[in-house]
Every structure is written in C-alpha cells, then in structure tokens.
Amino acid sequence: MYYTCSLIVRSFNEEKHIGRLLEGIKKQTLYSETEVILVDSGSTDNTVKIALEHGAKVISIKPEEFSFGRALNKGCEMAAGKYLLFASAHVYPVYTDWIKKMIQPFDNKNIALVYGKQIGNEITKYSESQIFKKWFPDDSNYNQDHPFCNNANAVVRKELWLNQQYDETLTGLEDLDWARKIEQKGHVIAYEADAPIVHVHEESISKIKNRYMREAIALKKIFPKQHMSLLDFVRLYVANTFSDFVHARHDGVLFKNVSEIIRFRYMQFWGTYKGFKHGEVNTRLRQRFYYPNGLRKSSTEERENAEKIVYLKGNHAG
C-alpha cells in the first residue's frame, strides 16, 4: 500500500509516553495518508502492546544490536511512504496539522530534510527549555546554511535515504551526519517553526551527562578536528549558567531553579568535555550547540488558525 508519509518511532520502555504520541497522530489531518512504524529495541514494559493497539507496525531488534542509525534504517526499509517522518517515542504533536506542516516545504524540490520545532512542558528542566529555544527558534528557515537538525522531529525524502542511509556506527547525531552528507550533494536543509512537538525529557543527572558525552563522541567522529579544552568547559559552563540565571530571573522562577540549573549545565558540559577530551571547539556548529541564548526574551505566541490537540490529563499510556 502507498502512503504519503511513514512515521518511524524508535522505542525502549516508553509505555509512559508513547500513547500520547500515537493519540496525537490519530488526530492529524493527514492521518489517513500516514503509516506508523515502531522500531523497538527490547522493551520489557507495555510499549509494544500499546503501539499494536494503536495500529502501528512493529519491528523488533535486539538491545545489543541497537544503534540510533541502525534502528532508523530498519524502519526506513519497511516504510511505504514517499516521506520518512521521524519522532521520538517521548514526544507528542501540538497541532492537528503537524504532519502536513512538516512535509509542506518539500514543494521545493531542492529540500532533502525538514526538521521541526521542539518545546518542553511543565516537567522540563529550565536549562533544557533554554536549549530548545536556542536550537528551535520562532522563525522558519527553508534554506539553512549549516547541517544542524534533530530526528526527534524531522522528515526526509525516501528516495534520498535509499541512496544514503544512516551511519549505524555513531553513538548519536546520526541525523546531523546524514544532513551534512546530503548538503554536500547539493541538497537543502529546512527548519519548520510551525510544526512543534513537545519533547519530554525525564533524565537523571547522570543520564544528562551520558547523553551529552555520547553526542560529543559522535560529533568528534563526524568532524575530526572538533575538540574541547578544559578552559572551554569552564567558559561555556559559566556563560550558559549565567544566561539561564538571567532568563529565569526575568521569568520570575530563578529561586526554585538555581540548583537544577547549576547541576544540569555542569553535567551538560562535563559530559561534552569528556566526549571531546582536549583541544578547542572550532567548528561553525559550536554556536548552535554550545553558546548560550541571547538575553532577549523569545516569543511564546501560539499559532493562529491552527487546531490545537487536546490531550487527556495524565493519560500518557493512551
């Protein structure tokens, strides 16, 4: 059967969140033209059961065989859609036209990849919300001059994936690696601000460090000349912590977030430093990844003429 879009979700023990994502997909205006494929790497909870109840196709891979790129490639192989849409199992769309907005930029034949906006919710750590604002601004960009993207909310042309699959050896950032290679072939990366999803991160402090460490290891493999010195660690930690303090004070939430900001930013940049080892960060991507937000408050206005999805409170499992 032919589909306009194949939505591919990677999962491992996501029963708390995946039901909300699948509920949001069913409310999409393009739901009838979309298939859902879950690539599960050994969940021991009800993740697979919930996905099957929502009509998803399920591919299982062994935990020891998992890599981010391999899981994506497995899902893409099964996909029957013209476009391959990727979403984390712990995200959910804000509006009913999310999928439509994500594939709309492909009217430009030169665009190979579109990534959409990400925001946090009430449990998002303050520093994480600042990262979302930095990485995913309020204005769309259909002709981006760097390969930054994020597969928690991204879509590519299947015809291009067939000729260039995801690197299965990377410890992360397989999305950025794919985007860099496709840009070198003359294609364009686009950012769509009007297709937001809520990205729910419930990580311990040690998991935050491990996430940034594995991403730094991957970034160094993709860009071998990329490094970070101990001085860079100190400078970026202090700058981002100070920026968070300023924004939190402006938002009237500094007192309750002081400790969390300090711990989050420390683990973020300590993990990054451990992944890079020694040297100096010197690529064009460092501003998007590591530099703090400007001190001007960004807009949080909702979209006009867009139907917002109403989720049942507390109904994470669907």
C-alpha atoms as a PDB file:
ATOM      1  CA  MET A   1       0.000   0.000   0.000  1.00  0.00           C
ATOM      2  CA  TYR A   2       1.228   3.520  -0.798  1.00  0.00           C
ATOM      3  CA  TYR A   3       1.375   6.259   1.838  1.00  0.00           C
ATOM      4  CA  THR A   4       2.294   9.909   1.629  1.00  0.00           C
ATOM      5  CA  CYS A   5       4.200   9.632   4.894  1.00  0.00           C
ATOM      6  CA  SER A   6       5.710   6.873   7.028  1.00  0.00           C
ATOM      7  CA  LEU A   7       6.200   7.837  10.676  1.00  0.00           C
ATOM      8  CA  ILE A   8       9.094   5.935  12.235  1.00  0.00           C
ATOM      9  CA  VAL A   9       9.450   5.836  16.016  1.00  0.00           C
ATOM     10  CA  ARG A  10      12.357   4.313  17.949  1.00  0.00           C
ATOM     11  CA  SER A  11      11.479   2.959  21.389  1.00  0.00           C
ATOM     12  CA  PHE A  12      12.706   1.236  24.512  1.00  0.00           C
ATOM     13  CA  ASN A  13      10.397   1.040  27.542  1.00  0.00           C
ATOM     14  CA  GLU A  14       8.299   4.080  26.588  1.00  0.00           C
ATOM     15  CA  GLU A  15       4.878   2.987  27.896  1.00  0.00           C
ATOM     16  CA  LYS A  16       4.534   6.206  29.898  1.00  0.00           C
ATOM     17  CA  HIS A  17       4.685   8.468  26.843  1.00  0.00           C
ATOM     18  CA  ILE A  18       4.079   6.623  23.576  1.00  0.00           C
ATOM     19  CA  GLY A  19       0.299   6.513  23.933  1.00  0.00           C
ATOM     20  CA  ARG A  20       0.118  10.289  23.849  1.00  0.00           C
ATOM     21  CA  LEU A  21       2.206  10.423  20.667  1.00  0.00           C
ATOM     22  CA  LEU A  22       0.005   7.822  18.974  1.00  0.00           C
ATOM     23  CA  GLU A  23      -3.132   9.630  20.115  1.00  0.00           C
ATOM     24  CA  GLY A  24      -1.799  12.852  18.591  1.00  0.00           C
ATOM     25  CA  ILE A  25      -1.019  11.106  15.325  1.00  0.00           C
ATOM     26  CA  LYS A  26      -4.597   9.854  15.011  1.00  0.00           C
ATOM     27  CA  LYS A  27      -5.811  13.452  15.229  1.00  0.00           C
ATOM     28  CA  GLN A  28      -3.641  14.596  12.321  1.00  0.00           C
ATOM     29  CA  THR A  29      -5.327  15.938   9.189  1.00  0.00           C
ATOM     30  CA  LEU A  30      -3.118  13.608   7.121  1.00  0.00           C
ATOM     31  CA  TYR A  31      -3.629  10.555   9.353  1.00  0.00           C
ATOM     32  CA  SER A  32      -5.291   8.526   6.568  1.00  0.00           C
ATOM     33  CA  GLU A  33      -2.176   9.050   4.417  1.00  0.00           C
ATOM     34  CA  THR A  34       0.251   8.049   7.170  1.00  0.00           C
ATOM     35  CA  GLU A  35       1.538   4.691   8.373  1.00  0.00           C
ATOM     36  CA  VAL A  36       3.173   4.276  11.779  1.00  0.00           C
ATOM     37  CA  ILE A  37       6.212   2.032  12.266  1.00  0.00           C
ATOM     38  CA  LEU A  38       7.668   1.323  15.712  1.00  0.00           C
ATOM     39  CA  VAL A  39      11.244   0.051  15.911  1.00  0.00           C
ATOM     40  CA  ASP A  40      11.565  -1.412  19.398  1.00  0.00           C
ATOM     41  CA  SER A  41      14.870  -2.496  20.894  1.00  0.00           C
ATOM     42  CA  GLY A  42      13.741  -4.934  23.560  1.00  0.00           C
ATOM     43  CA  SER A  43      11.132  -3.142  25.672  1.00  0.00           C
ATOM     44  CA  THR A  44      10.072  -5.115  28.763  1.00  0.00           C
ATOM     45  CA  ASP A  45       7.037  -2.951  29.553  1.00  0.00           C
ATOM     46  CA  ASN A  46       3.808  -2.362  27.580  1.00  0.00           C
ATOM     47  CA  THR A  47       5.338  -0.196  24.827  1.00  0.00           C
ATOM     48  CA  VAL A  48       4.825  -2.739  22.039  1.00  0.00           C
ATOM     49  CA  LYS A  49       1.324  -3.666  23.261  1.00  0.00           C
ATOM     50  CA  ILE A  50       0.233  -0.011  23.229  1.00  0.00           C
ATOM     51  CA  ALA A  51       1.696   0.513  19.755  1.00  0.00           C
ATOM     52  CA  LEU A  52      -0.104  -2.525  18.350  1.00  0.00           C
ATOM     53  CA  GLU A  53      -3.395  -1.384  19.909  1.00  0.00           C
ATOM     54  CA  HIS A  54      -2.990   1.895  18.019  1.00  0.00           C
ATOM     55  CA  GLY A  55      -2.441   0.097  14.712  1.00  0.00           C
ATOM     56  CA  ALA A  56       1.314   0.559  14.413  1.00  0.00           C
ATOM     57  CA  LYS A  57       3.565  -1.880  12.612  1.00  0.00           C
ATOM     58  CA  VAL A  58       6.277  -3.168  14.943  1.00  0.00           C
ATOM     59  CA  ILE A  59       9.855  -4.150  14.155  1.00  0.00           C
ATOM     60  CA  SER A  60      11.898  -5.702  16.977  1.00  0.00           C
ATOM     61  CA  ILE A  61      15.675  -5.589  17.235  1.00  0.00           C
ATOM     62  CA  LYS A  62      17.893  -6.987  19.971  1.00  0.00           C
ATOM     63  CA  PRO A  63      19.202  -4.438  22.506  1.00  0.00           C
ATOM     64  CA  GLU A  64      22.786  -5.463  21.760  1.00  0.00           C
ATOM     65  CA  GLU A  65      22.210  -4.724  18.061  1.00  0.00           C
ATOM     66  CA  PHE A  66      20.834  -1.238  18.682  1.00  0.00           C
ATOM     67  CA  SER A  67      22.313   1.967  17.396  1.00  0.00           C
ATOM     68  CA  PHE A  68      20.341   5.105  16.541  1.00  0.00           C
ATOM     69  CA  GLY A  69      21.236   4.815  12.873  1.00  0.00           C
ATOM     70  CA  ARG A  70      20.515   1.078  12.678  1.00  0.00           C
ATOM     71  CA  ALA A  71      17.064   1.483  14.236  1.00  0.00           C
ATOM     72  CA  LEU A  72      16.193   4.217  11.731  1.00  0.00           C
ATOM     73  CA  ASN A  73      17.448   2.194   8.790  1.00  0.00           C
ATOM     74  CA  LYS A  74      15.343  -0.802   9.866  1.00  0.00           C
ATOM     75  CA  GLY A  75      12.243   1.367   9.996  1.00  0.00           C
ATOM     76  CA  CYS A  76      13.001   3.055   6.689  1.00  0.00           C
ATOM     77  CA  GLU A  77      13.418  -0.318   4.981  1.00  0.00           C
ATOM     78  CA  MET A  78       9.840  -1.256   5.898  1.00  0.00           C
ATOM     79  CA  ALA A  79       8.372   2.169   5.081  1.00  0.00           C
ATOM     80  CA  ALA A  80       5.983   2.558   2.134  1.00  0.00           C
ATOM     81  CA  GLY A  81       5.723   6.340   2.327  1.00  0.00           C
ATOM     82  CA  LYS A  82       7.139   8.963  -0.015  1.00  0.00           C
ATOM     83  CA  TYR A  83       8.415  10.849   3.031  1.00  0.00           C
ATOM     84  CA  LEU A  84      10.046   9.357   6.143  1.00  0.00           C
ATOM     85  CA  LEU A  85       8.995  11.211   9.287  1.00  0.00           C
ATOM     86  CA  PHE A  86      10.939  10.560  12.500  1.00  0.00           C
ATOM     87  CA  ALA A  87       9.711  11.162  16.046  1.00  0.00           C
ATOM     88  CA  SER A  88      10.996  10.124  19.450  1.00  0.00           C
ATOM     89  CA  ALA A  89       8.665   7.916  21.463  1.00  0.00           C
ATOM     90  CA  HIS A  90       8.550  10.573  24.199  1.00  0.00           C
ATOM     91  CA  VAL A  91       7.274  13.457  22.048  1.00  0.00           C
ATOM     92  CA  TYR A  92       3.763  14.466  21.007  1.00  0.00           C
ATOM     93  CA  PRO A  93       2.451  16.997  18.454  1.00  0.00           C
ATOM     94  CA  VAL A  94       0.829  20.266  19.494  1.00  0.00           C
ATOM     95  CA  TYR A  95      -1.403  20.849  16.458  1.00  0.00           C
ATOM     96  CA  THR A  96      -3.522  18.671  14.161  1.00  0.00           C
ATOM     97  CA  ASP A  97      -1.613  19.851  11.074  1.00  0.00           C
ATOM     98  CA  TRP A  98       1.821  18.785  12.372  1.00  0.00           C
ATOM     99  CA  ILE A  99       2.462  16.199   9.638  1.00  0.00           C
ATOM    100  CA  LYS A 100       1.061  18.482   6.933  1.00  0.00           C
ATOM    101  CA  LYS A 101       3.349  21.317   8.028  1.00  0.00           C
ATOM    102  CA  MET A 102       6.368  19.009   8.163  1.00  0.00           C
ATOM    103  CA  ILE A 103       6.065  17.867   4.549  1.00  0.00           C
ATOM    104  CA  GLN A 104       4.873  21.189   3.085  1.00  0.00           C
ATOM    105  CA  PRO A 105       8.394  22.588   2.477  1.00  0.00           C
ATOM    106  CA  PHE A 106       9.116  19.686   0.093  1.00  0.00           C
ATOM    107  CA  ASP A 107       7.298  21.662  -2.593  1.00  0.00           C
ATOM    108  CA  ASN A 108      10.835  22.976  -3.078  1.00  0.00           C
ATOM    109  CA  LYS A 109      12.497  20.110  -4.973  1.00  0.00           C
ATOM    110  CA  ASN A 110      15.917  21.008  -3.562  1.00  0.00           C
ATOM    111  CA  ILE A 111      14.900  20.386   0.052  1.00  0.00           C
ATOM    112  CA  ALA A 112      16.044  16.990   1.328  1.00  0.00           C
ATOM    113  CA  LEU A 113      15.269  17.251   5.047  1.00  0.00           C
ATOM    114  CA  VAL A 114      12.900  19.265   7.211  1.00  0.00           C
ATOM    115  CA  TYR A 115      13.143  19.420  10.983  1.00  0.00           C
ATOM    116  CA  GLY A 116      10.511  20.960  13.201  1.00  0.00           C
ATOM    117  CA  LYS A 117      10.287  22.958  16.378  1.00  0.00           C
ATOM    118  CA  GLN A 118      10.612  21.331  19.811  1.00  0.00           C
ATOM    119  CA  ILE A 119       9.341  22.711  23.107  1.00  0.00           C
ATOM    120  CA  GLY A 120       9.179  21.439  26.668  1.00  0.00           C
ATOM    121  CA  ASN A 121       6.280  21.001  29.077  1.00  0.00           C
ATOM    122  CA  GLU A 122       5.681  21.513  32.785  1.00  0.00           C
ATOM    123  CA  ILE A 123       8.308  18.935  33.843  1.00  0.00           C
ATOM    124  CA  THR A 124      11.056  20.138  31.500  1.00  0.00           C
ATOM    125  CA  LYS A 125      14.190  21.301  33.276  1.00  0.00           C
ATOM    126  CA  TYR A 126      14.676  25.047  32.919  1.00  0.00           C
ATOM    127  CA  SER A 127      18.051  24.749  31.176  1.00  0.00           C
ATOM    128  CA  GLU A 128      16.600  22.210  28.746  1.00  0.00           C
ATOM    129  CA  SER A 129      13.850  24.670  27.845  1.00  0.00           C
ATOM    130  CA  GLN A 130      16.532  27.268  27.121  1.00  0.00           C
ATOM    131  CA  ILE A 131      18.292  24.799  24.824  1.00  0.00           C
ATOM    132  CA  PHE A 132      15.030  24.217  22.952  1.00  0.00           C
ATOM    133  CA  LYS A 133      14.657  27.982  22.447  1.00  0.00           C
ATOM    134  CA  LYS A 134      18.219  28.226  21.170  1.00  0.00           C
ATOM    135  CA  TRP A 135      18.053  25.243  18.821  1.00  0.00           C
ATOM    136  CA  PHE A 136      14.465  25.738  17.634  1.00  0.00           C
ATOM    137  CA  PRO A 137      13.703  29.465  17.127  1.00  0.00           C
ATOM    138  CA  ASP A 138      10.357  31.048  16.320  1.00  0.00           C
ATOM    139  CA  ASP A 139      11.080  31.743  12.643  1.00  0.00           C
ATOM    140  CA  SER A 140      11.235  29.091   9.901  1.00  0.00           C
ATOM    141  CA  ASN A 141      14.272  28.811   7.632  1.00  0.00           C
ATOM    142  CA  TYR A 142      13.899  26.984   4.306  1.00  0.00           C
ATOM    143  CA  ASN A 143      17.498  27.459   3.213  1.00  0.00           C
ATOM    144  CA  GLN A 144      19.698  26.694   6.215  1.00  0.00           C
ATOM    145  CA  ASP A 145      23.445  27.227   5.746  1.00  0.00           C
ATOM    146  CA  HIS A 146      24.578  24.514   8.206  1.00  0.00           C
ATOM    147  CA  PRO A 147      23.609  20.846   8.780  1.00  0.00           C
ATOM    148  CA  PHE A 148      22.064  21.154  12.251  1.00  0.00           C
ATOM    149  CA  CYS A 149      18.845  19.146  12.630  1.00  0.00           C
ATOM    150  CA  ASN A 150      17.237  16.754  15.099  1.00  0.00           C
ATOM    151  CA  ASN A 151      15.495  13.450  14.428  1.00  0.00           C
ATOM    152  CA  ALA A 152      13.126  13.794  17.379  1.00  0.00           C
ATOM    153  CA  ASN A 153      11.031  15.761  14.858  1.00  0.00           C
ATOM    154  CA  ALA A 154      12.329  15.500  11.290  1.00  0.00           C
ATOM    155  CA  VAL A 155      11.362  14.214   7.834  1.00  0.00           C
ATOM    156  CA  VAL A 156      13.387  13.225   4.755  1.00  0.00           C
ATOM    157  CA  ARG A 157      12.643  12.147   1.200  1.00  0.00           C
ATOM    158  CA  LYS A 158      12.699   8.356   0.998  1.00  0.00           C
ATOM    159  CA  GLU A 159      14.293   8.429  -2.455  1.00  0.00           C
ATOM    160  CA  LEU A 160      17.312  10.187  -0.938  1.00  0.00           C
ATOM    161  CA  TRP A 161      17.519   7.786   2.027  1.00  0.00           C
ATOM    162  CA  LEU A 162      17.644   4.870  -0.444  1.00  0.00           C
ATOM    163  CA  ASN A 163      20.934   6.262  -1.777  1.00  0.00           C
ATOM    164  CA  GLN A 164      22.291   7.434   1.563  1.00  0.00           C
ATOM    165  CA  GLN A 165      21.387   5.522   4.697  1.00  0.00           C
ATOM    166  CA  TYR A 166      22.128   6.459   8.293  1.00  0.00           C
ATOM    167  CA  ASP A 167      25.555   5.691   9.771  1.00  0.00           C
ATOM    168  CA  GLU A 168      24.992   2.747  12.116  1.00  0.00           C
ATOM    169  CA  THR A 169      28.333   3.129  13.911  1.00  0.00           C
ATOM    170  CA  LEU A 170      27.707   6.536  15.505  1.00  0.00           C
ATOM    171  CA  THR A 171      26.834   6.904  19.200  1.00  0.00           C
ATOM    172  CA  GLY A 172      24.434   9.718  18.333  1.00  0.00           C
ATOM    173  CA  LEU A 173      23.946  12.630  15.918  1.00  0.00           C
ATOM    174  CA  GLU A 174      23.201  10.285  13.027  1.00  0.00           C
ATOM    175  CA  ASP A 175      20.777  12.998  11.904  1.00  0.00           C
ATOM    176  CA  LEU A 176      23.456  15.690  11.671  1.00  0.00           C
ATOM    177  CA  ASP A 177      25.800  13.288   9.867  1.00  0.00           C
ATOM    178  CA  TRP A 178      23.102  12.488   7.272  1.00  0.00           C
ATOM    179  CA  ALA A 179      22.300  16.177   6.827  1.00  0.00           C
ATOM    180  CA  ARG A 180      25.963  17.100   6.354  1.00  0.00           C
ATOM    181  CA  LYS A 181      26.424  14.438   3.669  1.00  0.00           C
ATOM    182  CA  ILE A 182      23.214  15.366   1.851  1.00  0.00           C
ATOM    183  CA  GLU A 183      24.160  19.053   1.882  1.00  0.00           C
ATOM    184  CA  GLN A 184      27.484  18.169   0.291  1.00  0.00           C
ATOM    185  CA  LYS A 185      25.483  16.639  -2.571  1.00  0.00           C
ATOM    186  CA  GLY A 186      23.799  19.983  -3.210  1.00  0.00           C
ATOM    187  CA  HIS A 187      20.561  19.466  -1.286  1.00  0.00           C
ATOM    188  CA  VAL A 188      18.971  21.874   1.198  1.00  0.00           C
ATOM    189  CA  ILE A 189      18.044  21.542   4.898  1.00  0.00           C
ATOM    190  CA  ALA A 190      14.902  23.357   6.099  1.00  0.00           C
ATOM    191  CA  TYR A 191      13.589  24.281   9.540  1.00  0.00           C
ATOM    192  CA  GLU A 192       9.817  24.499  10.098  1.00  0.00           C
ATOM    193  CA  ALA A 193       8.854  26.540  13.175  1.00  0.00           C
ATOM    194  CA  ASP A 194       5.111  25.949  12.649  1.00  0.00           C
ATOM    195  CA  ALA A 195       5.301  22.183  13.271  1.00  0.00           C
ATOM    196  CA  PRO A 196       6.032  21.983  17.012  1.00  0.00           C
ATOM    197  CA  ILE A 197       6.162  18.888  19.171  1.00  0.00           C
ATOM    198  CA  VAL A 198       6.511  18.650  22.939  1.00  0.00           C
ATOM    199  CA  HIS A 199       9.694  16.753  23.819  1.00  0.00           C
ATOM    200  CA  VAL A 200       9.526  15.157  27.273  1.00  0.00           C
ATOM    201  CA  HIS A 201      12.931  14.503  28.840  1.00  0.00           C
ATOM    202  CA  GLU A 202      12.811  12.750  32.212  1.00  0.00           C
ATOM    203  CA  GLU A 203      16.505  12.140  32.825  1.00  0.00           C
ATOM    204  CA  SER A 204      18.585  11.758  35.946  1.00  0.00           C
ATOM    205  CA  ILE A 205      21.673  13.951  36.291  1.00  0.00           C
ATOM    206  CA  SER A 206      23.958  11.057  35.303  1.00  0.00           C
ATOM    207  CA  LYS A 207      21.879  10.364  32.183  1.00  0.00           C
ATOM    208  CA  ILE A 208      22.189  14.003  31.158  1.00  0.00           C
ATOM    209  CA  LYS A 209      25.972  13.673  31.340  1.00  0.00           C
ATOM    210  CA  ASN A 210      25.910  10.414  29.361  1.00  0.00           C
ATOM    211  CA  ARG A 211      23.677  11.926  26.643  1.00  0.00           C
ATOM    212  CA  TYR A 212      25.995  14.843  26.030  1.00  0.00           C
ATOM    213  CA  MET A 213      29.077  12.648  26.255  1.00  0.00           C
ATOM    214  CA  ARG A 214      27.911  10.224  23.560  1.00  0.00           C
ATOM    215  CA  GLU A 215      26.831  13.130  21.345  1.00  0.00           C
ATOM    216  CA  ALA A 216      30.267  14.736  21.716  1.00  0.00           C
ATOM    217  CA  ILE A 217      31.917  11.412  20.816  1.00  0.00           C
ATOM    218  CA  ALA A 218      29.746  11.269  17.696  1.00  0.00           C
ATOM    219  CA  LEU A 219      30.381  14.920  16.822  1.00  0.00           C
ATOM    220  CA  LYS A 220      34.119  14.364  17.052  1.00  0.00           C
ATOM    221  CA  LYS A 221      33.836  11.381  14.713  1.00  0.00           C
ATOM    222  CA  ILE A 222      31.780  13.395  12.216  1.00  0.00           C
ATOM    223  CA  PHE A 223      34.094  16.423  12.489  1.00  0.00           C
ATOM    224  CA  PRO A 224      37.532  15.016  13.466  1.00  0.00           C
ATOM    225  CA  LYS A 225      39.025  18.471  14.039  1.00  0.00           C
ATOM    226  CA  GLN A 226      36.382  19.333  16.641  1.00  0.00           C
ATOM    227  CA  HIS A 227      37.726  19.461  20.199  1.00  0.00           C
ATOM    228  CA  MET A 228      37.024  20.969  23.599  1.00  0.00           C
ATOM    229  CA  SER A 229      39.608  22.071  26.171  1.00  0.00           C
ATOM    230  CA  LEU A 230      39.189  22.310  29.929  1.00  0.00           C
ATOM    231  CA  LEU A 231      39.117  26.085  29.514  1.00  0.00           C
ATOM    232  CA  ASP A 232      36.266  25.723  27.008  1.00  0.00           C
ATOM    233  CA  PHE A 233      34.395  23.599  29.542  1.00  0.00           C
ATOM    234  CA  VAL A 234      34.723  26.272  32.239  1.00  0.00           C
ATOM    235  CA  ARG A 235      33.904  29.154  29.887  1.00  0.00           C
ATOM    236  CA  LEU A 236      30.811  27.514  28.368  1.00  0.00           C
ATOM    237  CA  TYR A 237      29.553  26.219  31.720  1.00  0.00           C
ATOM    238  CA  VAL A 238      29.812  29.672  33.327  1.00  0.00           C
ATOM    239  CA  ALA A 239      28.331  31.509  30.308  1.00  0.00           C
ATOM    240  CA  ASN A 240      25.321  29.212  29.972  1.00  0.00           C
ATOM    241  CA  THR A 241      24.658  29.082  33.707  1.00  0.00           C
ATOM    242  CA  PHE A 242      24.741  32.879  33.899  1.00  0.00           C
ATOM    243  CA  SER A 243      22.425  33.144  30.881  1.00  0.00           C
ATOM    244  CA  ASP A 244      19.959  30.736  32.499  1.00  0.00           C
ATOM    245  CA  PHE A 245      20.037  32.758  35.718  1.00  0.00           C
ATOM    246  CA  VAL A 246      19.213  35.960  33.808  1.00  0.00           C
ATOM    247  CA  HIS A 247      16.338  34.346  31.881  1.00  0.00           C
ATOM    248  CA  ALA A 248      14.978  32.591  34.978  1.00  0.00           C
ATOM    249  CA  ARG A 249      15.052  35.861  36.928  1.00  0.00           C
ATOM    250  CA  HIS A 250      13.201  37.570  34.084  1.00  0.00           C
ATOM    251  CA  ASP A 251      10.614  34.750  34.142  1.00  0.00           C
ATOM    252  CA  GLY A 252      10.265  35.000  37.934  1.00  0.00           C
ATOM    253  CA  VAL A 253      11.402  31.388  38.532  1.00  0.00           C
ATOM    254  CA  LEU A 254      15.072  31.797  39.467  1.00  0.00           C
ATOM    255  CA  PHE A 255      14.828  30.828  43.144  1.00  0.00           C
ATOM    256  CA  LYS A 256      13.230  27.425  42.533  1.00  0.00           C
ATOM    257  CA  ASN A 257      15.572  26.587  39.625  1.00  0.00           C
ATOM    258  CA  VAL A 258      19.016  27.700  40.887  1.00  0.00           C
ATOM    259  CA  SER A 259      20.223  24.268  41.984  1.00  0.00           C
ATOM    260  CA  GLU A 260      18.804  22.471  38.945  1.00  0.00           C
ATOM    261  CA  ILE A 261      20.389  24.970  36.525  1.00  0.00           C
ATOM    262  CA  ILE A 262      23.814  24.566  38.134  1.00  0.00           C
ATOM    263  CA  ARG A 263      23.651  20.758  38.053  1.00  0.00           C
ATOM    264  CA  PHE A 264      22.216  20.492  34.545  1.00  0.00           C
ATOM    265  CA  ARG A 265      24.735  22.832  32.945  1.00  0.00           C
ATOM    266  CA  TYR A 266      27.624  21.220  34.794  1.00  0.00           C
ATOM    267  CA  MET A 267      26.682  17.736  33.607  1.00  0.00           C
ATOM    268  CA  GLN A 268      25.971  19.000  30.076  1.00  0.00           C
ATOM    269  CA  PHE A 269      29.411  20.490  29.599  1.00  0.00           C
ATOM    270  CA  TRP A 270      31.325  17.966  31.708  1.00  0.00           C
ATOM    271  CA  GLY A 271      29.826  15.208  29.583  1.00  0.00           C
ATOM    272  CA  THR A 272      30.685  17.162  26.434  1.00  0.00           C
ATOM    273  CA  TYR A 273      34.250  17.707  27.641  1.00  0.00           C
ATOM    274  CA  LYS A 274      34.661  14.009  28.468  1.00  0.00           C
ATOM    275  CA  GLY A 275      33.449  13.155  24.985  1.00  0.00           C
ATOM    276  CA  PHE A 276      35.798  15.592  23.258  1.00  0.00           C
ATOM    277  CA  LYS A 277      38.836  15.192  25.550  1.00  0.00           C
ATOM    278  CA  HIS A 278      41.259  18.042  24.854  1.00  0.00           C
ATOM    279  CA  GLY A 279      41.601  20.878  22.327  1.00  0.00           C
ATOM    280  CA  GLU A 280      39.453  23.796  21.173  1.00  0.00           C
ATOM    281  CA  VAL A 281      35.909  23.887  19.826  1.00  0.00           C
ATOM    282  CA  ASN A 282      36.355  25.411  16.409  1.00  0.00           C
ATOM    283  CA  THR A 283      33.527  24.488  14.033  1.00  0.00           C
ATOM    284  CA  ARG A 284      30.639  26.630  12.788  1.00  0.00           C
ATOM    285  CA  LEU A 285      28.186  24.420  14.670  1.00  0.00           C
ATOM    286  CA  ARG A 286      29.530  25.342  18.115  1.00  0.00           C
ATOM    287  CA  GLN A 287      27.267  28.391  18.389  1.00  0.00           C
ATOM    288  CA  ARG A 288      24.126  26.306  17.842  1.00  0.00           C
ATOM    289  CA  PHE A 289      25.246  23.503  20.158  1.00  0.00           C
ATOM    290  CA  TYR A 290      27.045  25.257  22.977  1.00  0.00           C
ATOM    291  CA  TYR A 291      26.712  29.037  23.077  1.00  0.00           C
ATOM    292  CA  PRO A 292      24.096  30.443  25.493  1.00  0.00           C
ATOM    293  CA  ASN A 293      20.897  32.183  24.473  1.00  0.00           C
ATOM    294  CA  GLY A 294      20.860  35.920  23.958  1.00  0.00           C
ATOM    295  CA  LEU A 295      19.441  37.896  26.838  1.00  0.00           C
ATOM    296  CA  ARG A 296      16.344  38.988  24.897  1.00  0.00           C
ATOM    297  CA  LYS A 297      13.198  37.032  25.721  1.00  0.00           C
ATOM    298  CA  SER A 298      11.887  34.940  22.824  1.00  0.00           C
ATOM    299  CA  SER A 299       8.268  34.844  21.702  1.00  0.00           C
ATOM    300  CA  THR A 300       5.900  32.170  23.024  1.00  0.00           C
ATOM    301  CA  GLU A 301       2.828  33.154  20.999  1.00  0.00           C
ATOM    302  CA  GLU A 302       0.630  30.343  19.743  1.00  0.00           C
ATOM    303  CA  ARG A 303      -0.134  29.890  16.062  1.00  0.00           C
ATOM    304  CA  GLU A 304      -3.281  31.440  14.663  1.00  0.00           C
ATOM    305  CA  ASN A 305      -5.764  29.441  12.559  1.00  0.00           C
ATOM    306  CA  ALA A 306      -4.367  26.131  13.825  1.00  0.00           C
ATOM    307  CA  GLU A 307      -6.302  23.495  15.735  1.00  0.00           C
ATOM    308  CA  LYS A 308      -4.548  22.564  18.937  1.00  0.00           C
ATOM    309  CA  ILE A 309      -4.734  18.934  20.103  1.00  0.00           C
ATOM    310  CA  VAL A 310      -6.399  18.458  23.485  1.00  0.00           C
ATOM    311  CA  TYR A 311      -4.851  15.567  25.418  1.00  0.00           C
ATOM    312  CA  LEU A 312      -6.409  13.894  28.422  1.00  0.00           C
ATOM    313  CA  LYS A 313      -4.519  14.988  31.509  1.00  0.00           C
ATOM    314  CA  GLY A 314      -2.275  12.264  32.890  1.00  0.00           C
ATOM    315  CA  ASN A 315      -3.227   9.825  30.150  1.00  0.00           C
ATOM    316  CA  HIS A 316       0.311   9.089  28.988  1.00  0.00           C
ATOM    317  CA  ALA A 317      -0.190   5.464  28.027  1.00  0.00           C
ATOM    318  CA  GLY A 318      -3.092   6.055  25.664  1.00  0.00           C
END
